[in-house]
Amino acid sequence: MVLVAIAAWCLTGLIVLLGISAGATIWFYMEPVVDTVPDPGSYFVAAGAGFLALALSLFVSAAVTVHAAQSKATCKPKSI
């Protein structure tokens, strides 16, 4: 369960890194034409979906971590 929690936080970190990279790429290509063309609506949809995915990932990561901590705290050694 601890490995699942670690994997969940790694996935959350990857979503953050990929989101920053995508935002920087969009800015690089859009910055020269700022105020000359209207912003496409798809950028706002993509940004909203990215923030929603990040929020969901944070929630799942926190829930898995709490579950792992509770299961480890209640784990009793087996007697033979």
Protein backbone atom coordinates (compact mmCIF):
# COMPACT_ATOMS: atom_id res chain seq x y z
CA MET A 1 0.00 0.00 0.00
CA VAL A 2 2.92 2.32 0.65
CA LEU A 3 4.15 1.76 -2.90
CA VAL A 4 0.71 2.71 -4.24
CA ALA A 5 0.82 5.94 -2.20
CA ILE A 6 4.29 6.75 -3.55
CA ALA A 7 3.14 6.03 -7.11
CA ALA A 8 0.08 8.26 -6.62
CA TRP A 9 2.25 11.19 -5.49
CA CYS A 10 4.65 10.59 -8.40
CA LEU A 11 1.69 10.75 -10.78
CA THR A 12 0.56 14.02 -9.20
CA GLY A 13 4.07 15.41 -9.63
CA LEU A 14 4.09 14.36 -13.29
CA ILE A 15 0.77 16.11 -13.87
CA VAL A 16 2.25 19.30 -12.41
CA LEU A 17 5.41 19.05 -14.54
CA LEU A 18 3.49 18.30 -17.73
CA GLY A 19 1.04 21.11 -17.01
CA ILE A 20 3.85 23.62 -16.53
CA SER A 21 5.54 22.38 -19.69
CA ALA A 22 2.31 22.63 -21.70
CA GLY A 23 1.65 26.12 -20.35
CA ALA A 24 5.16 27.27 -21.23
CA THR A 25 4.82 25.83 -24.73
CA ILE A 26 1.48 27.54 -25.30
CA TRP A 27 2.89 30.83 -24.00
CA PHE A 28 5.94 30.54 -26.26
CA TYR A 29 3.77 30.23 -29.36
CA MET A 30 1.03 32.65 -28.29
CA GLU A 31 3.18 35.47 -26.85
CA PRO A 32 4.19 36.94 -30.23
CA VAL A 33 0.54 37.29 -31.28
CA VAL A 34 -0.94 38.54 -27.99
CA ASP A 35 -3.63 41.15 -28.63
CA THR A 36 -3.55 40.51 -32.39
CA VAL A 37 -5.80 37.45 -32.45
CA PRO A 38 -8.47 36.30 -29.97
CA ASP A 39 -7.63 33.47 -27.59
CA PRO A 40 -9.09 30.16 -28.76
CA GLY A 41 -11.71 28.73 -26.45
CA SER A 42 -9.97 25.36 -26.53
CA TYR A 43 -7.13 26.77 -24.42
CA PHE A 44 -9.52 27.52 -21.59
CA VAL A 45 -11.09 24.07 -21.87
CA ALA A 46 -7.63 22.46 -21.79
CA ALA A 47 -6.57 24.56 -18.80
CA GLY A 48 -9.77 23.73 -16.94
CA ALA A 49 -9.35 20.01 -17.65
CA GLY A 50 -5.73 20.18 -16.49
CA PHE A 51 -6.64 21.84 -13.19
CA LEU A 52 -9.46 19.34 -12.69
CA ALA A 53 -7.06 16.43 -13.30
CA LEU A 54 -4.57 17.95 -10.86
CA ALA A 55 -7.24 18.44 -8.18
CA LEU A 56 -8.48 14.87 -8.63
CA SER A 57 -4.93 13.53 -8.48
CA LEU A 58 -4.21 15.49 -5.30
CA PHE A 59 -7.39 14.14 -3.70
CA VAL A 60 -6.60 10.54 -4.66
CA SER A 61 -2.98 10.85 -3.52
CA ALA A 62 -4.03 12.22 -0.14
CA ALA A 63 -6.72 9.56 0.27
CA VAL A 64 -4.33 6.71 -0.60
CA THR A 65 -1.72 8.11 1.79
CA VAL A 66 -4.24 8.34 4.64
CA HIS A 67 -5.48 4.82 3.90
CA ALA A 68 -1.92 3.49 3.83
CA ALA A 69 -1.12 5.20 7.13
CA GLN A 70 -4.27 3.83 8.79
CA SER A 71 -3.73 0.31 7.53
CA LYS A 72 -0.12 0.38 8.68
CA ALA A 73 -1.12 1.72 12.12
CA THR A 74 -3.75 -1.00 12.62
CA CYS A 75 -1.57 -3.79 11.25
CA LYS A 76 -0.92 -6.41 13.92
CA PRO A 77 1.92 -8.89 13.71
CA LYS A 78 0.71 -12.44 13.10
CA SER A 79 1.47 -14.93 15.76
CA ILE A 80 2.29 -18.47 14.77
